[in-house]
Protein backbone atom coordinates (compact mmCIF):
# COMPACT_ATOMS: atom_id res chain seq x y z
CA UNK A 1 -40.99 1.20 45.91
CA UNK A 2 -38.19 2.52 43.73
CA UNK A 3 -38.92 2.02 40.06
CA UNK A 4 -36.48 1.31 37.28
CA UNK A 5 -36.45 3.57 34.29
CA UNK A 6 -39.62 2.90 32.32
CA UNK A 7 -37.63 1.76 29.30
CA UNK A 8 -36.00 -0.99 31.41
CA UNK A 9 -39.00 -2.16 33.40
CA UNK A 10 -39.52 -5.71 34.62
CA UNK A 11 -42.98 -7.21 34.50
CA UNK A 12 -44.38 -10.33 36.14
CA UNK A 13 -47.18 -11.90 34.11
CA UNK A 14 -49.59 -13.99 36.17
CA UNK A 15 -50.99 -16.89 34.15
CA UNK A 16 -52.60 -20.19 35.04
CA UNK A 17 -54.56 -20.32 38.28
CA UNK A 18 -57.02 -23.00 39.31
CA UNK A 19 -60.20 -22.00 37.48
CA UNK A 20 -61.86 -23.91 34.66
CA UNK A 21 -60.13 -21.44 32.32
CA UNK A 22 -56.57 -22.29 33.37
CA UNK A 23 -55.54 -23.45 29.89
CA UNK A 24 -56.84 -20.25 28.29
CA UNK A 25 -54.95 -18.19 30.87
CA UNK A 26 -51.71 -20.03 30.16
CA UNK A 27 -52.15 -19.40 26.45
CA UNK A 28 -52.85 -15.71 27.06
CA UNK A 29 -49.77 -15.51 29.27
CA UNK A 30 -47.51 -17.06 26.64
CA UNK A 31 -48.85 -14.80 23.89
CA UNK A 32 -48.50 -11.57 25.85
CA UNK A 33 -45.12 -12.48 27.35
CA UNK A 34 -43.69 -13.06 23.88
CA UNK A 35 -45.20 -9.79 22.65
CA UNK A 36 -43.76 -7.85 25.60
CA UNK A 37 -40.33 -9.39 25.11
CA UNK A 38 -40.45 -8.45 21.44
CA UNK A 39 -41.20 -4.89 22.61
CA UNK A 40 -38.06 -4.93 24.77
CA UNK A 41 -39.60 -5.65 28.17
CA UNK A 42 -38.08 -7.97 30.77
CA UNK A 43 -40.81 -10.53 31.58
CA UNK A 44 -41.23 -13.31 34.13
CA UNK A 45 -44.27 -15.60 33.99
CA UNK A 46 -45.62 -16.88 37.30
CA UNK A 47 -48.51 -19.13 38.27
CA UNK A 48 -50.67 -18.39 41.30
CA UNK A 49 -49.45 -20.64 44.10
CA UNK A 50 -48.15 -20.58 47.66
CA UNK A 51 -44.75 -19.29 46.53
CA UNK A 52 -46.02 -16.29 44.60
CA UNK A 53 -46.10 -13.69 47.36
CA UNK A 54 -42.69 -14.72 48.67
CA UNK A 55 -41.19 -14.38 45.20
CA UNK A 56 -42.84 -11.01 44.62
CA UNK A 57 -41.60 -9.70 47.97
CA UNK A 58 -38.05 -11.01 47.54
CA UNK A 59 -37.66 -9.52 44.08
CA UNK A 60 -40.45 -6.97 43.47
CA UNK A 61 -41.16 -6.31 39.79
CA UNK A 62 -41.99 -2.87 38.50
CA UNK A 63 -45.48 -4.06 37.62
CA UNK A 64 -47.70 -7.15 37.65
CA UNK A 65 -49.88 -8.10 34.70
CA UNK A 66 -52.71 -10.44 35.80
CA UNK A 67 -53.83 -12.59 32.88
CA UNK A 68 -55.89 -14.95 35.03
CA UNK A 69 -59.27 -15.89 33.62
CA UNK A 70 -62.26 -17.21 35.52
CA UNK A 71 -63.12 -16.64 39.15
CA UNK A 72 -59.63 -16.67 40.64
CA UNK A 73 -58.45 -14.03 38.20
CA UNK A 74 -61.44 -11.84 37.53
CA UNK A 75 -63.23 -11.55 40.88
CA UNK A 76 -60.68 -9.04 42.18
CA UNK A 77 -59.16 -11.24 44.89
CA UNK A 78 -55.66 -11.52 43.42
CA UNK A 79 -55.61 -7.79 42.70
CA UNK A 80 -56.66 -7.15 46.30
CA UNK A 81 -53.57 -9.04 47.47
CA UNK A 82 -51.36 -7.13 45.03
CA UNK A 83 -52.62 -3.92 46.59
CA UNK A 84 -51.92 -5.29 50.08
CA UNK A 85 -48.25 -5.79 49.19
CA UNK A 86 -48.01 -2.47 47.33
CA UNK A 87 -47.33 -3.71 43.81
CA UNK A 88 -48.54 -1.79 40.75
CA UNK A 89 -50.65 -3.87 38.38
CA UNK A 90 -52.47 -3.47 35.09
CA UNK A 91 -56.24 -3.72 35.26
CA UNK A 92 -59.33 -2.73 37.17
CA UNK A 93 -59.44 -2.39 40.94
CA UNK A 94 -61.03 -5.14 43.06
CA UNK A 95 -64.49 -3.59 43.64
CA UNK A 96 -64.94 -2.97 39.91
CA UNK A 97 -63.75 -6.51 39.13
CA UNK A 98 -66.31 -7.99 41.50
CA UNK A 99 -69.13 -6.02 39.90
CA UNK A 100 -68.07 -6.84 36.35
CA UNK A 101 -67.48 -10.54 37.03
CA UNK A 102 -70.98 -11.01 38.44
CA UNK A 103 -73.06 -10.92 35.24
CA UNK A 104 -76.40 -9.99 36.89
CA UNK A 105 -74.71 -7.13 38.76
CA UNK A 106 -72.96 -5.91 35.60
CA UNK A 107 -76.25 -6.04 33.70
CA UNK A 108 -77.96 -4.02 36.44
CA UNK A 109 -75.22 -1.38 36.41
CA UNK A 110 -75.37 -1.18 32.63
CA UNK A 111 -79.16 -0.84 32.67
CA UNK A 112 -78.96 2.01 35.18
CA UNK A 113 -76.55 3.73 32.78
CA UNK A 114 -79.18 3.53 30.03
CA UNK A 115 -77.63 0.58 28.19
CA UNK A 116 -79.97 -2.02 26.72
CA UNK A 117 -79.53 -5.52 28.13
CA UNK A 118 -81.77 -8.58 27.59
CA UNK A 119 -84.44 -9.48 30.15
CA UNK A 120 -83.20 -12.11 32.57
CA UNK A 121 -83.74 -14.03 35.80
CA UNK A 122 -81.01 -14.89 38.33
CA UNK A 123 -81.52 -18.16 40.21
CA UNK A 124 -79.35 -19.71 42.94
CA UNK A 125 -79.34 -23.49 42.85
CA UNK A 126 -80.96 -23.73 46.29
CA UNK A 127 -83.89 -21.55 45.25
CA UNK A 128 -84.32 -23.48 42.03
CA UNK A 129 -84.44 -26.77 43.93
CA UNK A 130 -86.49 -25.73 46.97
CA UNK A 131 -89.26 -23.96 45.06
CA UNK A 132 -89.63 -26.88 42.67
CA UNK A 133 -87.61 -26.96 39.47
CA UNK A 134 -90.58 -27.67 37.19
CA UNK A 135 -92.67 -24.81 38.56
CA UNK A 136 -89.75 -22.37 38.39
CA UNK A 137 -88.96 -23.32 34.79
CA UNK A 138 -92.61 -22.91 33.78
CA UNK A 139 -92.58 -19.42 35.30
CA UNK A 140 -89.35 -18.53 33.49
CA UNK A 141 -90.70 -19.55 30.09
CA UNK A 142 -93.99 -17.74 30.74
CA UNK A 143 -92.26 -14.53 31.84
CA UNK A 144 -89.02 -14.28 29.82
CA UNK A 145 -90.13 -16.38 26.86
CA UNK A 146 -88.16 -18.44 24.36
CA UNK A 147 -85.47 -18.69 23.10
CA UNK A 148 -83.24 -18.40 26.18
CA UNK A 149 -79.57 -18.56 26.99
CA UNK A 150 -78.62 -20.15 30.31
CA UNK A 151 -75.19 -19.44 31.77
CA UNK A 152 -73.37 -19.39 35.11
CA UNK A 153 -73.79 -16.01 36.78
CA UNK A 154 -70.03 -15.89 37.35
CA UNK A 155 -67.60 -17.31 34.81
CA UNK A 156 -66.26 -16.90 31.32
CA UNK A 157 -65.27 -18.52 28.03
CA UNK A 158 -68.92 -19.62 27.57
CA UNK A 159 -68.35 -22.56 29.92
CA UNK A 160 -71.71 -23.87 31.16
CA UNK A 161 -73.66 -21.83 28.60
CA UNK A 162 -76.54 -23.39 26.68
CA UNK A 163 -78.98 -21.95 24.15
CA UNK A 164 -82.55 -23.14 24.81
CA UNK A 165 -85.11 -22.98 22.01
CA UNK A 166 -87.52 -25.55 23.39
CA UNK A 167 -88.91 -25.57 26.94
CA UNK A 168 -88.06 -29.24 27.26
CA UNK A 169 -84.34 -28.44 27.01
CA UNK A 170 -84.34 -25.95 29.87
CA UNK A 171 -83.76 -28.50 32.67
CA UNK A 172 -80.56 -29.85 31.12
CA UNK A 173 -79.34 -26.31 30.49
CA UNK A 174 -79.86 -25.42 34.16
CA UNK A 175 -77.92 -28.51 35.25
CA UNK A 176 -75.09 -27.55 32.89
CA UNK A 177 -74.91 -24.01 34.30
CA UNK A 178 -74.98 -25.23 37.91
CA UNK A 179 -72.03 -27.50 37.14
CA UNK A 180 -69.91 -24.32 36.88
CA UNK A 181 -71.40 -22.29 39.73
CA UNK A 182 -74.15 -22.14 42.31
CA UNK A 183 -76.12 -19.40 40.53
CA UNK A 184 -77.52 -19.40 37.00
CA UNK A 185 -78.44 -16.46 34.80
CA UNK A 186 -81.35 -17.22 32.49
CA UNK A 187 -81.48 -14.56 29.80
CA UNK A 188 -83.61 -13.91 26.75
CA UNK A 189 -81.60 -15.01 23.73
CA UNK A 190 -81.30 -12.10 21.33
CA UNK A 191 -80.83 -13.29 17.76
CA UNK A 192 -78.36 -11.27 15.74
CA UNK A 193 -74.69 -10.53 15.19
CA UNK A 194 -72.45 -11.11 18.19
CA UNK A 195 -69.61 -8.62 18.55
CA UNK A 196 -66.69 -7.98 20.86
CA UNK A 197 -65.40 -4.49 21.60
CA UNK A 198 -62.13 -3.94 23.50
CA UNK A 199 -61.74 -0.72 25.46
CA UNK A 200 -58.29 0.54 26.41
CA UNK A 201 -57.12 3.44 28.55
CA UNK A 202 -53.40 4.17 28.64
CA UNK A 203 -53.93 7.26 30.77
CA UNK A 204 -55.55 9.43 28.09
CA UNK A 205 -59.13 8.25 28.69
CA UNK A 206 -61.03 5.12 27.62
CA UNK A 207 -61.45 4.50 23.92
CA UNK A 208 -62.87 1.61 21.94
CA UNK A 209 -60.75 -0.37 19.52
CA UNK A 210 -62.27 -1.66 16.25
CA UNK A 211 -65.41 -3.79 16.68
CA UNK A 212 -65.02 -7.51 15.90
CA UNK A 213 -68.02 -9.44 14.56
CA UNK A 214 -68.21 -13.14 15.34
CA UNK A 215 -69.65 -15.91 13.17
CA UNK A 216 -69.12 -19.38 14.69
CA UNK A 217 -69.44 -22.30 12.28
CA UNK A 218 -71.94 -24.08 14.51
CA UNK A 219 -74.00 -20.97 15.15
CA UNK A 220 -73.12 -20.85 18.86
CA UNK A 221 -70.02 -19.07 20.17
CA UNK A 222 -69.22 -21.70 22.80
CA UNK A 223 -65.89 -22.72 24.35
CA UNK A 224 -64.83 -24.82 21.37
CA UNK A 225 -65.75 -22.06 18.92
CA UNK A 226 -63.71 -19.56 20.95
CA UNK A 227 -60.51 -21.54 21.27
CA UNK A 228 -60.36 -23.92 18.29
CA UNK A 229 -58.53 -22.30 15.41
CA UNK A 230 -60.66 -22.05 12.28
CA UNK A 231 -63.98 -22.86 13.92
CA UNK A 232 -65.17 -19.24 13.99
CA UNK A 233 -65.03 -16.46 11.42
CA UNK A 234 -63.96 -13.13 12.89
CA UNK A 235 -64.38 -9.93 10.92
CA UNK A 236 -62.71 -6.67 11.80
CA UNK A 237 -63.91 -4.19 10.85
CA UNK A 238 -67.16 -5.87 11.80
CA UNK A 239 -69.86 -6.67 9.25
CA UNK A 240 -71.94 -3.73 10.48
CA UNK A 241 -72.83 -0.31 9.17
CA UNK A 242 -70.59 2.52 10.33
CA UNK A 243 -73.48 3.87 12.41
CA UNK A 244 -74.10 0.59 14.23
CA UNK A 245 -70.37 -0.02 14.75
CA UNK A 246 -70.09 3.44 16.31
CA UNK A 247 -72.99 2.62 18.62
CA UNK A 248 -71.26 -0.63 19.66
CA UNK A 249 -68.14 1.38 20.50
CA UNK A 250 -70.21 3.88 22.50
CA UNK A 251 -71.93 1.13 24.49
CA UNK A 252 -68.62 -0.58 25.30
CA UNK A 253 -67.06 2.64 26.58
CA UNK A 254 -70.22 3.47 28.52
CA UNK A 255 -70.19 0.06 30.21
CA UNK A 256 -66.47 0.41 30.99
CA UNK A 257 -67.09 3.78 32.63
CA UNK A 258 -70.32 2.80 34.43
CA UNK A 259 -68.59 -0.14 36.08
CA UNK A 260 -65.54 1.92 37.03
CA UNK A 261 -63.11 -0.20 35.00
CA UNK A 262 -59.63 0.86 33.99
CA UNK A 263 -56.80 -0.03 31.59
CA UNK A 264 -58.44 -2.82 29.55
CA UNK A 265 -61.83 -4.44 29.19
CA UNK A 266 -63.83 -6.23 26.51
CA UNK A 267 -67.58 -5.90 26.17
CA UNK A 268 -69.58 -8.68 24.55
CA UNK A 269 -72.59 -7.32 22.71
CA UNK A 270 -75.17 -8.49 20.21
CA UNK A 271 -76.81 -6.48 17.45
CA UNK A 272 -80.35 -7.52 16.54
CA UNK A 273 -82.05 -7.26 13.16
CA UNK A 274 -83.30 -3.74 13.98
CA UNK A 275 -79.79 -2.51 14.75
CA UNK A 276 -80.32 -2.32 18.51
CA UNK A 277 -77.13 -3.00 20.47
CA UNK A 278 -77.60 -5.24 23.51
CA UNK A 279 -75.05 -5.52 26.33
CA UNK A 280 -74.35 -9.11 27.42
CA UNK A 281 -71.30 -8.94 29.69
CA UNK A 282 -67.91 -7.32 30.19
CA UNK A 283 -64.55 -8.94 30.85
CA UNK A 284 -61.82 -7.34 32.97
CA UNK A 285 -59.22 -9.94 31.92
CA UNK A 286 -60.14 -10.74 28.32
CA UNK A 287 -58.45 -13.59 26.50
CA UNK A 288 -55.32 -12.67 24.59
CA UNK A 289 -54.69 -15.99 22.87
CA UNK A 290 -54.06 -16.62 19.19
CA UNK A 291 -57.82 -17.05 18.63
CA UNK A 292 -59.03 -14.24 20.91
CA UNK A 293 -60.78 -11.13 19.64
CA UNK A 294 -58.74 -8.47 21.44
CA UNK A 295 -55.47 -9.10 19.53
CA UNK A 296 -57.44 -9.04 16.26
CA UNK A 297 -58.87 -5.65 17.19
CA UNK A 298 -55.46 -4.36 18.26
CA UNK A 299 -53.97 -5.32 14.89
CA UNK A 300 -56.90 -3.78 13.01
CA UNK A 301 -56.27 -0.52 14.87
CA UNK A 302 -52.73 -0.51 13.48
CA UNK A 303 -51.24 -1.18 16.91
CA UNK A 304 -48.70 -3.70 18.15
CA UNK A 305 -49.91 -5.90 21.01
CA UNK A 306 -46.60 -5.82 22.87
CA UNK A 307 -46.25 -2.06 22.55
CA UNK A 308 -49.86 -1.52 23.65
CA UNK A 309 -49.49 -3.71 26.74
CA UNK A 310 -46.18 -2.03 27.53
CA UNK A 311 -47.97 1.33 27.42
CA UNK A 312 -50.56 0.02 29.88
CA UNK A 313 -47.76 -1.21 32.13
CA UNK A 314 -46.05 2.19 32.06
CA UNK A 315 -49.34 3.93 32.88
CA UNK A 316 -49.88 1.57 35.83
CA UNK A 317 -46.38 2.24 37.17
CA UNK A 318 -46.77 6.01 36.91
CA UNK A 319 -50.26 5.81 38.49
CA UNK A 320 -48.85 3.95 41.50
CA UNK A 321 -45.99 6.36 42.16
CA UNK A 322 -46.55 8.76 45.12
């Protein structure tokens, strides 16, 4: 595909989709589209629907920027289709997306790379039901211990996530997780400072942006805390020692590389009272809304969001050229 001059490139931003995180995706799409336009880029915003491929084929953009959150945007399927039609796009390739989106798989890959991740159990709904819910929950508490965090094995924005400090609350937490997917991840809840670390690679190698520490007003960084302005205190630089912040950055880059990610990711970590950094999950399409952590980190690094994304777009276009 012939490409316009990189200073006059046209980008299609994909935002929306049909996942539970549609609203977040639309907000990310608006934010990034405005930032790209301010940086001088020609931008069209498209939803994912039956007309999308026809529109992309009739008027191919120089690059596609998928800002789809949740399963339809982060499991690699849309990117697989973009590869089928030969369009450059920003972000990780489909196999890496699938591994990163599946939290138990991502944790296993991280553990093999020597990264600390909390003990956990992965339970499909059928297994949980057929083996007897009460017996399974007793075994979980006996083996993993309390407190726990229960979350869908695939999903984002903390939807379906519940902290469990009493064994009697575990059943409701499992039901909540299964409402968002057929498999639940039950993980030991590490108490400490939750942090987010973006990793970018504009073609010069992956590097971490400043670490963001997260202090939700209610103590739990749930969906409301993530996307309600003023309900969470974000600090960047994070409220961590330089040594611990550097370790957070190292872990995020290591996870990015171990999972074979590219362009942009965000690792969610937690630092316990001893200073140990624990890997929780990684996002291949992190939120870029007004209350998201990545834009805060970008600003703290002295960068402009539009210019940074434009750099990623240029790198994707050059990468795709024969």
